[in-house]
Amino acid sequence: MAHPFDSDLDVRGLNCPLPILKTKKALIPLPAGAVLRVRATDPHSVIDFTAFCDKTDNTLVARDEDDGVHTFYVSKG
C-alpha cells in the first residue's frame, strides 16, 4: 500500500550500515514532519529501521514489503 511521502531514497542492494547512514543524511535537509520513503533490500533493514526510529526523534510511519523490497516511511522528528 502506498503512503504519501515528501522525499525518496533508494538503498536497494546496499547492506548494513549503509541504508541507515544514507537515511540519516537524506533526513538532514527535510523539515520536521516531512516523510522520507526508503526502499531497501537488506534483510536486516526491518530491525535496523525500527531501532533507528526508536533511538531518534524520527517516526516509522509505515512499512511495506513486496518481493524482497522493504519500503519504509520515516517521518522526521
N, C-alpha and C. Protein backbone atom coordinates (compact mmCIF):
# COMPACT_ATOMS: atom_id res chain seq x y z
N MET A 1 0.84 -1.18 0.00
CA MET A 1 0.00 0.00 0.00
C MET A 1 0.89 1.24 0.00
N ALA A 2 0.60 2.16 -0.88
CA ALA A 2 1.39 3.39 -0.98
C ALA A 2 0.95 4.40 0.07
N HIS A 3 1.91 5.12 0.57
CA HIS A 3 1.67 6.16 1.56
C HIS A 3 2.24 7.46 1.02
N PRO A 4 1.69 8.60 1.41
CA PRO A 4 2.25 9.87 0.93
C PRO A 4 3.66 10.09 1.49
N PHE A 5 4.51 10.70 0.67
CA PHE A 5 5.87 10.99 1.11
C PHE A 5 6.37 12.26 0.43
N ASP A 6 7.37 12.88 1.04
CA ASP A 6 7.92 14.14 0.54
C ASP A 6 9.24 13.95 -0.20
N SER A 7 9.97 12.92 0.12
CA SER A 7 11.27 12.66 -0.50
C SER A 7 11.47 11.16 -0.60
N ASP A 8 12.34 10.75 -1.51
CA ASP A 8 12.51 9.33 -1.81
C ASP A 8 13.99 8.96 -1.76
N LEU A 9 14.29 7.80 -1.18
CA LEU A 9 15.66 7.31 -1.10
C LEU A 9 15.67 5.83 -1.48
N ASP A 10 16.49 5.48 -2.45
CA ASP A 10 16.60 4.10 -2.90
C ASP A 10 17.94 3.54 -2.45
N VAL A 11 17.91 2.62 -1.49
CA VAL A 11 19.14 1.99 -1.00
C VAL A 11 19.13 0.48 -1.28
N ARG A 12 18.38 0.09 -2.29
CA ARG A 12 18.33 -1.32 -2.68
C ARG A 12 19.73 -1.77 -3.09
N GLY A 13 20.10 -2.97 -2.64
CA GLY A 13 21.41 -3.52 -2.96
C GLY A 13 22.49 -3.18 -1.95
N LEU A 14 22.19 -2.27 -1.03
CA LEU A 14 23.17 -1.90 0.00
C LEU A 14 22.89 -2.67 1.28
N ASN A 15 23.95 -2.99 2.00
CA ASN A 15 23.81 -3.71 3.27
C ASN A 15 24.19 -2.82 4.44
N CYS A 16 23.80 -3.25 5.62
CA CYS A 16 24.06 -2.55 6.87
C CYS A 16 25.55 -2.23 6.97
N PRO A 17 25.87 -1.02 7.36
CA PRO A 17 25.06 0.06 7.90
C PRO A 17 24.66 1.11 6.88
N LEU A 18 24.96 0.90 5.59
CA LEU A 18 24.74 1.94 4.59
C LEU A 18 23.30 2.43 4.47
N PRO A 19 22.26 1.58 4.50
CA PRO A 19 20.91 2.12 4.40
C PRO A 19 20.57 3.13 5.51
N ILE A 20 20.99 2.85 6.73
CA ILE A 20 20.72 3.77 7.84
C ILE A 20 21.55 5.04 7.70
N LEU A 21 22.82 4.91 7.34
CA LEU A 21 23.67 6.09 7.17
C LEU A 21 23.14 7.00 6.08
N LYS A 22 22.71 6.44 4.97
CA LYS A 22 22.16 7.24 3.88
C LYS A 22 20.82 7.85 4.27
N THR A 23 20.04 7.15 5.08
CA THR A 23 18.78 7.69 5.56
C THR A 23 19.03 8.90 6.46
N LYS A 24 19.97 8.78 7.37
CA LYS A 24 20.32 9.91 8.25
C LYS A 24 20.68 11.13 7.42
N LYS A 25 21.50 10.93 6.41
CA LYS A 25 21.94 12.04 5.56
C LYS A 25 20.77 12.64 4.77
N ALA A 26 19.88 11.79 4.27
CA ALA A 26 18.73 12.26 3.49
C ALA A 26 17.73 13.03 4.34
N LEU A 27 17.66 12.72 5.63
CA LEU A 27 16.72 13.41 6.52
C LEU A 27 17.19 14.81 6.90
N ILE A 28 18.48 15.08 6.84
CA ILE A 28 19.03 16.36 7.30
C ILE A 28 18.34 17.57 6.68
N PRO A 29 18.22 17.66 5.35
CA PRO A 29 17.62 18.88 4.78
C PRO A 29 16.10 18.96 4.88
N LEU A 30 15.46 17.88 5.28
CA LEU A 30 13.99 17.87 5.33
C LEU A 30 13.48 18.60 6.57
N PRO A 31 12.34 19.28 6.43
CA PRO A 31 11.74 19.93 7.61
C PRO A 31 11.09 18.89 8.52
N ALA A 32 10.90 19.26 9.77
CA ALA A 32 10.22 18.38 10.73
C ALA A 32 8.84 18.02 10.19
N GLY A 33 8.50 16.75 10.31
CA GLY A 33 7.20 16.27 9.85
C GLY A 33 7.21 15.74 8.43
N ALA A 34 8.27 16.03 7.67
CA ALA A 34 8.37 15.51 6.30
C ALA A 34 8.57 14.00 6.35
N VAL A 35 8.05 13.32 5.34
CA VAL A 35 8.15 11.87 5.28
C VAL A 35 9.12 11.46 4.17
N LEU A 36 10.08 10.64 4.54
CA LEU A 36 11.06 10.08 3.61
C LEU A 36 10.68 8.64 3.32
N ARG A 37 10.52 8.31 2.04
CA ARG A 37 10.29 6.92 1.66
C ARG A 37 11.65 6.30 1.36
N VAL A 38 11.92 5.16 1.99
CA VAL A 38 13.19 4.46 1.79
C VAL A 38 12.88 3.05 1.31
N ARG A 39 13.50 2.67 0.19
CA ARG A 39 13.35 1.31 -0.33
C ARG A 39 14.67 0.57 -0.16
N ALA A 40 14.61 -0.60 0.50
CA ALA A 40 15.81 -1.36 0.84
C ALA A 40 15.59 -2.85 0.59
N THR A 41 16.70 -3.55 0.31
CA THR A 41 16.64 -5.00 0.13
C THR A 41 17.42 -5.75 1.20
N ASP A 42 18.13 -5.04 2.05
CA ASP A 42 18.88 -5.68 3.14
C ASP A 42 17.90 -6.43 4.04
N PRO A 43 18.08 -7.73 4.22
CA PRO A 43 17.14 -8.49 5.05
C PRO A 43 17.08 -8.03 6.50
N HIS A 44 18.10 -7.36 6.98
CA HIS A 44 18.11 -6.86 8.35
C HIS A 44 17.53 -5.45 8.47
N SER A 45 17.10 -4.88 7.36
CA SER A 45 16.63 -3.50 7.39
C SER A 45 15.40 -3.31 8.27
N VAL A 46 14.56 -4.32 8.40
CA VAL A 46 13.37 -4.18 9.26
C VAL A 46 13.81 -3.91 10.70
N ILE A 47 14.75 -4.68 11.18
CA ILE A 47 15.27 -4.48 12.54
C ILE A 47 16.00 -3.15 12.64
N ASP A 48 16.82 -2.85 11.63
CA ASP A 48 17.62 -1.62 11.65
C ASP A 48 16.76 -0.36 11.66
N PHE A 49 15.75 -0.30 10.80
CA PHE A 49 14.92 0.91 10.73
C PHE A 49 14.04 1.06 11.97
N THR A 50 13.57 -0.04 12.51
CA THR A 50 12.79 0.03 13.75
C THR A 50 13.65 0.57 14.88
N ALA A 51 14.86 0.05 15.02
CA ALA A 51 15.77 0.52 16.06
C ALA A 51 16.18 1.97 15.83
N PHE A 52 16.46 2.34 14.59
CA PHE A 52 16.84 3.71 14.26
C PHE A 52 15.76 4.69 14.70
N CYS A 53 14.52 4.39 14.36
CA CYS A 53 13.43 5.30 14.73
C CYS A 53 13.17 5.30 16.23
N ASP A 54 13.34 4.17 16.88
CA ASP A 54 13.17 4.10 18.33
C ASP A 54 14.22 4.93 19.06
N LYS A 55 15.42 5.04 18.49
CA LYS A 55 16.53 5.73 19.16
C LYS A 55 16.66 7.19 18.74
N THR A 56 15.85 7.65 17.80
CA THR A 56 15.92 9.03 17.34
C THR A 56 14.55 9.68 17.51
N ASP A 57 14.47 10.93 17.13
CA ASP A 57 13.18 11.63 17.20
C ASP A 57 12.31 11.34 15.98
N ASN A 58 12.75 10.46 15.12
CA ASN A 58 12.00 10.14 13.90
C ASN A 58 10.98 9.05 14.18
N THR A 59 9.96 8.99 13.32
CA THR A 59 8.87 8.03 13.50
C THR A 59 8.74 7.15 12.27
N LEU A 60 8.67 5.85 12.49
CA LEU A 60 8.40 4.92 11.40
C LEU A 60 6.88 4.91 11.19
N VAL A 61 6.43 5.63 10.18
CA VAL A 61 5.00 5.82 9.93
C VAL A 61 4.37 4.54 9.39
N ALA A 62 5.08 3.88 8.48
CA ALA A 62 4.55 2.67 7.87
C ALA A 62 5.70 1.86 7.29
N ARG A 63 5.42 0.59 7.07
CA ARG A 63 6.41 -0.31 6.47
C ARG A 63 5.67 -1.30 5.59
N ASP A 64 6.19 -1.49 4.38
CA ASP A 64 5.62 -2.46 3.44
C ASP A 64 6.73 -3.39 2.96
N GLU A 65 6.35 -4.55 2.46
CA GLU A 65 7.31 -5.48 1.86
C GLU A 65 6.66 -6.09 0.63
N ASP A 66 7.40 -6.08 -0.47
CA ASP A 66 6.90 -6.67 -1.70
C ASP A 66 8.06 -7.32 -2.44
N ASP A 67 8.02 -8.62 -2.54
CA ASP A 67 9.01 -9.39 -3.30
C ASP A 67 10.45 -9.06 -2.89
N GLY A 68 10.68 -9.00 -1.58
CA GLY A 68 12.02 -8.78 -1.06
C GLY A 68 12.45 -7.33 -0.94
N VAL A 69 11.59 -6.41 -1.37
CA VAL A 69 11.90 -4.99 -1.23
C VAL A 69 11.09 -4.43 -0.06
N HIS A 70 11.81 -3.92 0.92
CA HIS A 70 11.18 -3.32 2.09
C HIS A 70 11.07 -1.82 1.85
N THR A 71 9.89 -1.28 2.09
CA THR A 71 9.68 0.16 1.93
C THR A 71 9.30 0.72 3.29
N PHE A 72 10.07 1.73 3.71
CA PHE A 72 9.87 2.37 5.00
C PHE A 72 9.46 3.82 4.77
N TYR A 73 8.54 4.29 5.58
CA TYR A 73 8.11 5.69 5.54
C TYR A 73 8.51 6.29 6.88
N VAL A 74 9.52 7.15 6.85
CA VAL A 74 10.09 7.73 8.06
C VAL A 74 9.73 9.20 8.13
N SER A 75 9.04 9.59 9.19
CA SER A 75 8.70 10.99 9.41
C SER A 75 9.78 11.62 10.27
N LYS A 76 10.32 12.74 9.78
CA LYS A 76 11.40 13.40 10.52
C LYS A 76 10.84 14.07 11.76
N GLY A 77 11.52 13.83 12.88
CA GLY A 77 11.10 14.40 14.16
C GLY A 77 11.67 15.78 14.37
